N, C-alpha and C. Protein backbone atom coordinates (compact mmCIF):
# COMPACT_ATOMS: atom_id res chain seq x y z
N UNK A 1 0.88 -1.27 -0.04
CA UNK A 1 -0.03 0.07 0.02
C UNK A 1 0.81 1.32 -0.05
N UNK A 2 0.49 2.35 -0.81
CA UNK A 2 1.24 3.50 -1.04
C UNK A 2 0.74 4.54 0.05
N UNK A 3 1.62 5.08 1.14
CA UNK A 3 0.93 5.94 2.09
C UNK A 3 1.46 7.46 1.70
N UNK A 4 2.09 7.48 0.43
CA UNK A 4 2.20 9.02 0.16
C UNK A 4 0.99 9.76 -0.06
N UNK A 5 0.94 10.95 0.39
CA UNK A 5 -0.20 11.94 0.16
C UNK A 5 0.20 12.70 -0.97
N UNK A 6 -0.80 13.33 -1.58
CA UNK A 6 -0.64 14.39 -2.67
C UNK A 6 0.15 15.52 -2.29
N UNK A 7 1.04 15.97 -3.00
CA UNK A 7 1.77 17.18 -2.79
C UNK A 7 1.66 18.26 -3.81
N UNK A 8 1.16 19.57 -3.39
CA UNK A 8 0.97 20.50 -4.29
C UNK A 8 2.23 21.25 -4.83
N UNK A 9 2.22 22.07 -5.57
CA UNK A 9 3.37 22.70 -6.33
C UNK A 9 3.98 23.61 -5.22
N UNK A 10 3.35 24.27 -4.36
CA UNK A 10 3.91 25.26 -3.25
C UNK A 10 4.74 24.38 -2.41
N UNK A 11 4.28 23.11 -1.99
CA UNK A 11 5.00 22.45 -1.19
C UNK A 11 6.41 21.98 -1.76
N UNK A 12 6.21 21.62 -3.19
CA UNK A 12 7.67 21.17 -3.85
C UNK A 12 8.40 22.31 -3.99
N UNK A 13 7.91 23.58 -4.23
CA UNK A 13 8.84 24.80 -4.16
C UNK A 13 9.47 25.03 -2.89
N UNK A 14 8.81 24.82 -1.76
CA UNK A 14 9.21 25.03 -0.48
C UNK A 14 10.61 23.90 -0.16
N UNK A 15 10.24 22.78 -0.72
CA UNK A 15 11.14 21.66 -0.51
C UNK A 15 12.54 22.12 -1.34
N UNK A 16 12.43 22.55 -2.65
CA UNK A 16 13.47 23.00 -3.36
C UNK A 16 14.26 24.01 -2.84
N UNK A 17 13.56 25.02 -2.06
CA UNK A 17 14.08 26.27 -1.54
C UNK A 17 14.84 25.73 -0.33
N UNK A 18 14.43 24.80 0.42
CA UNK A 18 14.99 24.26 1.57
C UNK A 18 16.24 23.41 1.26
N UNK A 19 16.37 23.01 -0.02
CA UNK A 19 17.55 22.23 -0.52
C UNK A 19 18.55 23.15 -0.72
N UNK A 20 18.08 24.41 -1.43
CA UNK A 20 19.10 25.32 -1.83
C UNK A 20 19.56 26.09 -0.79
N UNK A 21 18.74 26.41 0.19
CA UNK A 21 19.29 27.14 1.55
C UNK A 21 20.39 26.42 2.32
N UNK A 22 20.44 25.18 2.23
CA UNK A 22 21.57 24.40 2.65
C UNK A 22 22.87 24.86 2.06
N UNK A 23 22.90 25.34 0.81
CA UNK A 23 24.08 25.82 0.19
C UNK A 23 24.20 27.41 0.16
N UNK A 24 22.98 27.96 0.36
CA UNK A 24 23.09 29.40 0.18
C UNK A 24 21.79 29.95 0.70
N UNK A 25 21.91 30.71 2.00
CA UNK A 25 20.83 31.02 2.69
C UNK A 25 20.01 32.17 2.26
N UNK A 26 20.42 32.79 1.22
CA UNK A 26 19.80 33.98 0.87
C UNK A 26 18.98 33.79 -0.43
N UNK A 27 18.28 32.56 -0.44
CA UNK A 27 17.23 32.36 -1.58
C UNK A 27 15.84 32.60 -1.24
N UNK A 28 15.05 32.58 -2.17
CA UNK A 28 13.50 32.44 -1.92
C UNK A 28 13.03 31.93 -3.12
N UNK A 29 11.71 31.65 -3.25
CA UNK A 29 11.03 30.90 -4.32
C UNK A 29 11.34 31.64 -5.60
N UNK A 30 11.48 32.87 -5.68
CA UNK A 30 11.58 33.51 -6.99
C UNK A 30 13.16 33.78 -7.19
N UNK A 31 14.11 33.44 -6.50
CA UNK A 31 15.56 33.54 -6.76
C UNK A 31 15.91 32.83 -8.05
N UNK A 32 16.62 33.71 -8.93
CA UNK A 32 17.31 32.98 -10.17
C UNK A 32 18.30 31.95 -9.76
N UNK A 33 18.11 30.76 -10.32
CA UNK A 33 19.16 29.67 -10.20
C UNK A 33 20.15 29.61 -11.35
N UNK A 34 19.70 30.09 -12.63
CA UNK A 34 20.45 30.00 -13.56
C UNK A 34 20.44 31.44 -14.38
N UNK A 35 21.49 31.75 -15.25
CA UNK A 35 21.55 33.13 -15.68
C UNK A 35 22.58 34.04 -15.11
N UNK A 36 22.64 35.14 -15.52
CA UNK A 36 23.54 36.24 -15.01
C UNK A 36 23.21 36.56 -13.33
N UNK A 37 22.05 36.51 -13.03
CA UNK A 37 21.77 36.63 -11.62
C UNK A 37 21.84 35.56 -10.70
N UNK A 38 22.13 34.33 -11.24
CA UNK A 38 22.15 33.34 -10.49
C UNK A 38 22.84 33.22 -9.03
N UNK A 39 22.37 32.57 -8.15
CA UNK A 39 22.96 32.74 -6.73
C UNK A 39 23.92 31.47 -6.56
N UNK A 40 23.79 30.38 -7.27
CA UNK A 40 24.63 29.19 -7.20
C UNK A 40 25.42 28.95 -8.23
N UNK A 41 26.61 28.38 -7.65
CA UNK A 41 27.64 27.93 -8.73
C UNK A 41 27.10 26.66 -9.30
N UNK A 42 27.64 26.40 -10.41
CA UNK A 42 27.35 25.11 -11.18
C UNK A 42 27.23 23.96 -10.54
N UNK A 43 28.12 23.71 -9.58
CA UNK A 43 28.25 22.54 -8.96
C UNK A 43 27.30 22.43 -7.79
N UNK A 44 26.93 23.57 -7.23
CA UNK A 44 25.80 23.70 -6.10
C UNK A 44 24.51 23.37 -6.92
N UNK A 45 24.35 23.93 -8.16
CA UNK A 45 23.09 23.57 -8.79
C UNK A 45 22.92 22.17 -9.09
N UNK A 46 24.03 21.49 -9.54
CA UNK A 46 23.96 19.91 -9.30
C UNK A 46 23.54 19.31 -8.33
N UNK A 47 23.99 19.84 -7.27
CA UNK A 47 23.69 19.16 -5.77
C UNK A 47 22.23 19.55 -5.58
N UNK A 48 21.72 20.57 -5.73
CA UNK A 48 20.26 20.86 -5.67
C UNK A 48 19.44 19.92 -6.61
N UNK A 49 19.95 19.67 -7.71
CA UNK A 49 19.03 18.92 -8.68
C UNK A 49 19.07 17.38 -8.00
N UNK A 50 20.23 16.97 -7.72
CA UNK A 50 20.07 15.70 -7.08
C UNK A 50 19.42 15.56 -5.68
N UNK A 51 19.23 16.55 -4.83
CA UNK A 51 18.55 16.60 -3.81
C UNK A 51 16.97 16.44 -3.98
N UNK A 52 16.66 17.35 -5.06
CA UNK A 52 15.34 17.29 -5.58
C UNK A 52 14.96 15.85 -6.24
N UNK A 53 15.83 15.35 -6.94
CA UNK A 53 15.55 13.94 -7.29
C UNK A 53 15.23 13.00 -6.26
N UNK A 54 16.10 13.13 -5.14
CA UNK A 54 15.96 12.33 -4.09
C UNK A 54 14.66 12.50 -3.39
N UNK A 55 14.01 13.74 -3.25
CA UNK A 55 12.90 14.20 -2.68
C UNK A 55 11.63 13.52 -3.49
N UNK A 56 11.71 13.61 -4.77
CA UNK A 56 10.86 13.26 -5.75
C UNK A 56 10.67 11.77 -5.66
N UNK A 57 11.68 11.08 -5.46
CA UNK A 57 11.67 9.52 -5.45
C UNK A 57 11.16 9.23 -4.09
N UNK A 58 11.79 9.64 -3.05
CA UNK A 58 11.33 9.32 -1.61
C UNK A 58 9.94 9.57 -1.28
N UNK A 59 9.57 10.80 -1.71
CA UNK A 59 8.24 11.54 -1.08
C UNK A 59 7.16 11.42 -2.02
N UNK A 60 7.30 11.41 -3.25
CA UNK A 60 6.38 11.43 -4.45
C UNK A 60 6.30 10.18 -5.33
N UNK A 61 7.34 9.22 -5.08
CA UNK A 61 7.32 8.19 -5.97
C UNK A 61 7.41 8.38 -7.33
N UNK A 62 8.27 9.43 -7.63
CA UNK A 62 8.60 9.75 -9.03
C UNK A 62 10.06 9.66 -9.49
N UNK A 63 10.25 8.91 -10.34
CA UNK A 63 11.67 8.49 -10.80
C UNK A 63 12.13 9.53 -11.81
N UNK A 64 13.30 10.12 -11.72
CA UNK A 64 13.82 10.97 -12.82
C UNK A 64 14.34 10.29 -13.95
N UNK A 65 14.21 10.85 -14.96
CA UNK A 65 14.94 10.25 -16.46
C UNK A 65 15.83 11.28 -16.85
N UNK A 66 17.16 11.37 -16.33
CA UNK A 66 18.18 12.47 -16.82
C UNK A 66 18.42 12.30 -18.32
N UNK A 67 18.08 11.16 -18.94
CA UNK A 67 18.62 10.66 -20.28
C UNK A 67 17.63 11.31 -21.36
N UNK A 68 16.42 11.65 -20.75
CA UNK A 68 15.22 12.07 -21.90
C UNK A 68 15.46 13.76 -22.05
N UNK A 69 14.84 14.33 -23.06
CA UNK A 69 14.70 15.46 -23.51
C UNK A 69 13.82 16.32 -22.62
C-alpha cells in the first residue's frame, strides 16, 4: 500500500528552496538559479538537482530520467 499523500506545487517549491538554503541561505522561491543573476555555482546547482531527485523519489514516488529531453 502506498502511504504517500498528494503534494501541491507550493510544497514542492518550499522543499526545493530548503535544499538550496543548505548551500546558500539568501534564496527565496523567486531567486534565479541560472543566468546572470544566479546565486549558485554550477556544482551547487547539480547538488540541488540531485536533492530534488531524491525528494521526488522518496516522497512522491517519481523517478527522474536524466537521459530524456
